[in-house]
N, C-alpha and C. Protein backbone atom coordinates (compact mmCIF):
# COMPACT_ATOMS: atom_id res chain seq x y z
N MET A 1 -57.17 52.63 30.82
CA MET A 1 -56.02 52.41 30.51
C MET A 1 -55.96 53.46 28.85
N ASN A 2 -54.57 54.24 28.87
CA ASN A 2 -54.28 54.93 27.81
C ASN A 2 -53.68 54.16 26.78
N ILE A 3 -53.60 55.14 25.33
CA ILE A 3 -53.18 54.00 24.45
C ILE A 3 -51.44 53.28 24.60
N GLN A 4 -50.81 54.57 25.15
CA GLN A 4 -49.63 53.84 25.43
C GLN A 4 -49.50 52.56 26.42
N GLN A 5 -50.09 52.35 27.12
CA GLN A 5 -50.15 51.36 28.06
C GLN A 5 -50.79 50.02 27.49
N TYR A 6 -51.75 50.10 26.23
CA TYR A 6 -52.45 49.42 25.38
C TYR A 6 -51.25 48.87 24.54
N MET A 7 -50.38 50.00 24.01
CA MET A 7 -49.34 49.41 23.39
C MET A 7 -48.54 48.75 23.83
N ASP A 8 -48.08 49.11 24.83
CA ASP A 8 -47.08 48.24 25.35
C ASP A 8 -46.48 46.83 26.35
N GLU A 9 -48.65 46.90 26.51
CA GLU A 9 -48.42 45.97 26.93
C GLU A 9 -48.53 44.30 26.22
N LYS A 10 -47.80 43.66 25.98
CA LYS A 10 -47.66 42.36 25.26
C LYS A 10 -48.62 41.38 25.90
N ILE A 11 -49.40 40.92 24.20
CA ILE A 11 -50.32 39.76 24.87
C ILE A 11 -49.76 38.79 24.38
N GLU A 12 -50.05 37.66 25.44
CA GLU A 12 -49.54 36.36 25.69
C GLU A 12 -50.62 35.25 24.74
N ASP A 13 -49.90 34.53 24.24
CA ASP A 13 -51.13 33.43 23.86
C ASP A 13 -50.90 32.04 24.59
N LYS A 14 -52.26 32.20 25.28
CA LYS A 14 -52.30 30.96 25.97
C LYS A 14 -53.47 30.33 25.46
N SER A 15 -53.22 29.94 24.07
CA SER A 15 -54.08 28.88 23.81
C SER A 15 -53.64 27.72 24.54
N GLU A 16 -54.10 26.42 23.74
CA GLU A 16 -53.62 25.37 23.98
C GLU A 16 -52.54 24.22 23.34
N ASP A 17 -52.59 25.00 22.14
CA ASP A 17 -51.16 24.60 21.28
C ASP A 17 -49.96 25.53 21.83
N SER A 18 -50.16 26.85 22.75
CA SER A 18 -49.22 27.67 23.15
C SER A 18 -48.46 26.79 23.65
N LYS A 19 -50.18 26.20 25.12
CA LYS A 19 -49.44 25.77 26.46
C LYS A 19 -48.64 24.34 26.28
N LYS A 20 -48.96 23.80 25.27
CA LYS A 20 -47.81 22.12 24.71
C LYS A 20 -46.96 22.73 24.66
N LYS A 21 -46.57 24.17 23.77
CA LYS A 21 -45.00 24.22 23.16
C LYS A 21 -44.16 24.88 24.09
N HIS A 22 -45.09 25.50 24.99
CA HIS A 22 -44.27 26.17 26.51
C HIS A 22 -44.04 24.82 27.27
N MET A 23 -44.53 24.15 27.54
CA MET A 23 -44.69 23.04 28.37
C MET A 23 -43.04 22.11 27.72
N ILE A 24 -43.49 21.88 26.60
CA ILE A 24 -41.83 21.74 25.68
C ILE A 24 -40.55 21.96 26.05
N TYR A 25 -40.59 23.57 25.94
CA TYR A 25 -39.34 24.43 26.07
C TYR A 25 -39.53 24.71 27.28
N TYR A 26 -40.22 24.57 28.40
CA TYR A 26 -39.91 24.44 29.37
C TYR A 26 -39.21 23.31 30.03
N ARG A 27 -39.18 22.03 30.06
CA ARG A 27 -38.53 21.42 30.42
C ARG A 27 -37.41 20.79 29.73
N SER A 28 -37.54 21.79 28.38
CA SER A 28 -35.61 21.69 27.69
C SER A 28 -34.96 22.43 28.06
N LEU A 29 -35.43 23.65 28.98
CA LEU A 29 -35.15 24.72 29.99
C LEU A 29 -34.76 24.10 31.06
N SER A 30 -35.56 22.93 31.80
CA SER A 30 -34.83 22.28 32.98
C SER A 30 -34.01 21.23 32.49
N LYS A 31 -33.79 20.72 31.49
CA LYS A 31 -32.45 19.68 31.09
C LYS A 31 -31.11 20.89 31.13
N LEU A 32 -31.70 21.86 30.35
CA LEU A 32 -30.07 22.71 30.33
C LEU A 32 -29.87 23.28 31.84
N ILE A 33 -30.48 23.33 32.36
CA ILE A 33 -30.25 23.31 34.14
C ILE A 33 -29.39 22.61 34.75
N THR A 34 -30.11 21.46 34.17
CA THR A 34 -29.49 20.30 34.88
C THR A 34 -27.50 19.68 34.53
N ASP A 35 -27.65 20.07 33.34
CA ASP A 35 -26.77 20.14 31.98
C ASP A 35 -25.70 21.29 33.31
N MET A 36 -26.06 22.09 32.92
CA MET A 36 -25.39 23.44 33.76
C MET A 36 -24.63 23.09 34.75
N LYS A 37 -25.56 22.50 35.57
CA LYS A 37 -25.21 22.10 37.33
C LYS A 37 -24.08 21.14 37.54
N ALA A 38 -24.22 19.93 36.12
CA ALA A 38 -22.95 18.88 36.25
C ALA A 38 -21.84 19.86 35.43
N GLU A 39 -21.81 20.77 35.15
CA GLU A 39 -20.40 21.31 34.28
C GLU A 39 -19.95 21.91 35.69
N MET A 40 -21.40 22.75 36.43
CA MET A 40 -20.68 23.32 37.44
C MET A 40 -19.55 22.85 38.45
N ASN A 41 -20.13 21.37 38.49
CA ASN A 41 -19.32 20.87 39.64
C ASN A 41 -18.13 19.88 39.14
N GLN A 42 -18.33 20.01 37.87
CA GLN A 42 -16.74 19.60 37.25
C GLN A 42 -16.03 20.72 36.95
N GLU A 43 -16.05 22.05 36.62
CA GLU A 43 -15.33 23.69 36.88
C GLU A 43 -14.76 23.78 38.03
N GLY A 44 -13.56 24.33 37.70
CA GLY A 44 -12.85 24.73 39.01
C GLY A 44 -12.75 26.11 38.50
N GLU A 45 -13.07 26.66 37.65
CA GLU A 45 -12.77 28.13 37.68
C GLU A 45 -13.70 29.38 37.87
N PRO A 46 -13.40 30.17 38.70
CA PRO A 46 -14.92 30.87 39.63
C PRO A 46 -15.29 31.20 38.91
N ALA A 47 -14.90 32.12 37.65
CA ALA A 47 -15.55 33.55 36.25
C ALA A 47 -16.57 32.48 36.08
N ILE A 48 -16.09 31.04 35.31
CA ILE A 48 -16.91 30.26 34.74
C ILE A 48 -18.16 29.76 35.69
N LYS A 49 -18.20 29.85 36.64
CA LYS A 49 -18.74 28.70 37.43
C LYS A 49 -20.00 30.02 37.71
N GLU A 50 -19.51 31.43 38.01
CA GLU A 50 -19.99 32.29 38.28
C GLU A 50 -20.90 32.90 37.06
N HIS A 51 -20.50 32.78 36.02
CA HIS A 51 -21.17 32.76 34.65
C HIS A 51 -22.27 31.84 34.53
N LEU A 52 -22.04 30.63 35.20
CA LEU A 52 -23.41 29.33 34.62
C LEU A 52 -24.16 29.76 36.06
N THR A 53 -23.54 30.25 36.85
CA THR A 53 -24.81 30.54 37.92
C THR A 53 -25.73 31.47 37.42
N SER A 54 -25.51 32.78 37.15
CA SER A 54 -26.60 33.90 36.14
C SER A 54 -27.10 33.11 35.38
N ARG A 55 -26.54 32.60 34.20
CA ARG A 55 -27.52 31.95 33.71
C ARG A 55 -28.47 30.87 33.64
N ILE A 56 -28.40 30.12 35.11
CA ILE A 56 -28.76 29.39 35.79
C ILE A 56 -30.41 30.14 36.07
N GLU A 57 -29.96 31.46 36.76
CA GLU A 57 -31.04 32.30 37.29
C GLU A 57 -31.68 32.70 36.18
N ALA A 58 -31.15 33.59 35.35
CA ALA A 58 -32.20 33.74 34.50
C ALA A 58 -33.13 33.21 34.12
N ILE A 59 -32.65 31.18 33.23
CA ILE A 59 -33.70 30.69 32.85
C ILE A 59 -34.45 29.90 34.06
N GLU A 60 -33.95 30.00 35.44
CA GLU A 60 -35.10 29.92 36.24
C GLU A 60 -36.47 31.38 36.15
N LYS A 61 -35.91 32.51 35.82
CA LYS A 61 -36.69 33.24 35.97
C LYS A 61 -37.65 33.22 34.84
N ASP A 62 -37.13 32.58 33.11
CA ASP A 62 -37.91 32.29 32.19
C ASP A 62 -39.07 31.20 32.60
N LYS A 63 -38.53 30.36 33.51
CA LYS A 63 -39.52 29.35 33.70
C LYS A 63 -40.64 29.83 34.69
N GLN A 64 -40.16 30.34 35.82
CA GLN A 64 -41.19 31.09 36.47
C GLN A 64 -41.86 32.15 35.37
N ARG A 65 -41.42 32.48 34.22
CA ARG A 65 -42.77 33.64 33.90
C ARG A 65 -43.72 32.64 32.82
N ILE A 66 -43.30 31.43 32.65
CA ILE A 66 -43.99 30.52 31.96
C ILE A 66 -45.23 29.76 32.62
N ARG A 67 -44.44 29.38 33.81
CA ARG A 67 -46.01 28.86 35.01
C ARG A 67 -46.40 29.64 35.22
N ASN A 68 -46.29 31.46 35.39
CA ASN A 68 -47.21 31.89 35.48
C ASN A 68 -48.23 32.48 34.51
N LEU A 69 -47.94 32.24 33.01
CA LEU A 69 -48.52 32.26 32.47
C LEU A 69 -50.19 31.00 32.17
N PHE A 70 -49.69 29.84 32.71
CA PHE A 70 -50.53 28.92 32.64
C PHE A 70 -50.51 28.50 34.29
N PRO A 71 -51.52 28.95 34.97
CA PRO A 71 -51.35 28.94 36.23
C PRO A 71 -52.08 27.84 36.75
N GLY A 72 -52.75 27.55 35.45
CA GLY A 72 -53.97 25.84 36.24
C GLY A 72 -52.89 24.84 35.82
N VAL A 73 -51.54 24.64 35.64
CA VAL A 73 -50.41 24.03 35.65
C VAL A 73 -50.14 23.17 36.65
N LYS A 74 -50.50 21.87 37.08
CA LYS A 74 -49.85 21.37 38.72
C LYS A 74 -48.18 20.87 38.11
N LYS A 75 -47.35 21.19 39.27
CA LYS A 75 -46.03 21.23 39.44
C LYS A 75 -45.63 20.14 38.68
N GLU A 76 -46.41 18.99 38.57
CA GLU A 76 -46.24 17.45 37.99
C GLU A 76 -46.31 17.37 36.92
N GLU A 77 -47.22 18.27 36.75
CA GLU A 77 -47.18 18.47 34.79
C GLU A 77 -46.05 19.06 33.86
N TRP A 78 -45.52 20.22 34.93
CA TRP A 78 -44.60 20.85 34.11
C TRP A 78 -43.03 20.03 34.29
N ASP A 79 -42.77 19.32 35.57
CA ASP A 79 -42.30 18.05 35.46
C ASP A 79 -41.94 16.92 35.18
N ASP A 80 -43.03 16.67 34.21
CA ASP A 80 -43.44 15.53 33.82
C ASP A 80 -42.27 15.35 32.34
N ASN A 81 -41.54 14.26 32.54
CA ASN A 81 -40.48 14.07 31.15
C ASN A 81 -40.93 13.23 30.39
N SER A 82 -42.41 12.34 30.47
CA SER A 82 -42.90 11.42 29.59
C SER A 82 -43.16 11.79 28.19
N ASN A 83 -43.31 13.00 28.18
CA ASN A 83 -43.75 13.84 26.96
C ASN A 83 -42.52 13.52 25.68
């Protein structure tokens, strides 16, 4: 690995504290998606629905990025809303 590749590579914090914070953030993203979907069901304007759809897709990608950081976490743990 040359120095440029090393500098371009982002080092992710995978500590237990980071995991807890990411799980809280992940759940907030899930709630945001739920709210956006409800808004889409009430919205009649196609441009707004399209905008909400693209935001949901971006949020889903962020959720996937977070899941990839912590592959040992089970789906049930990600979706658990008891915390």
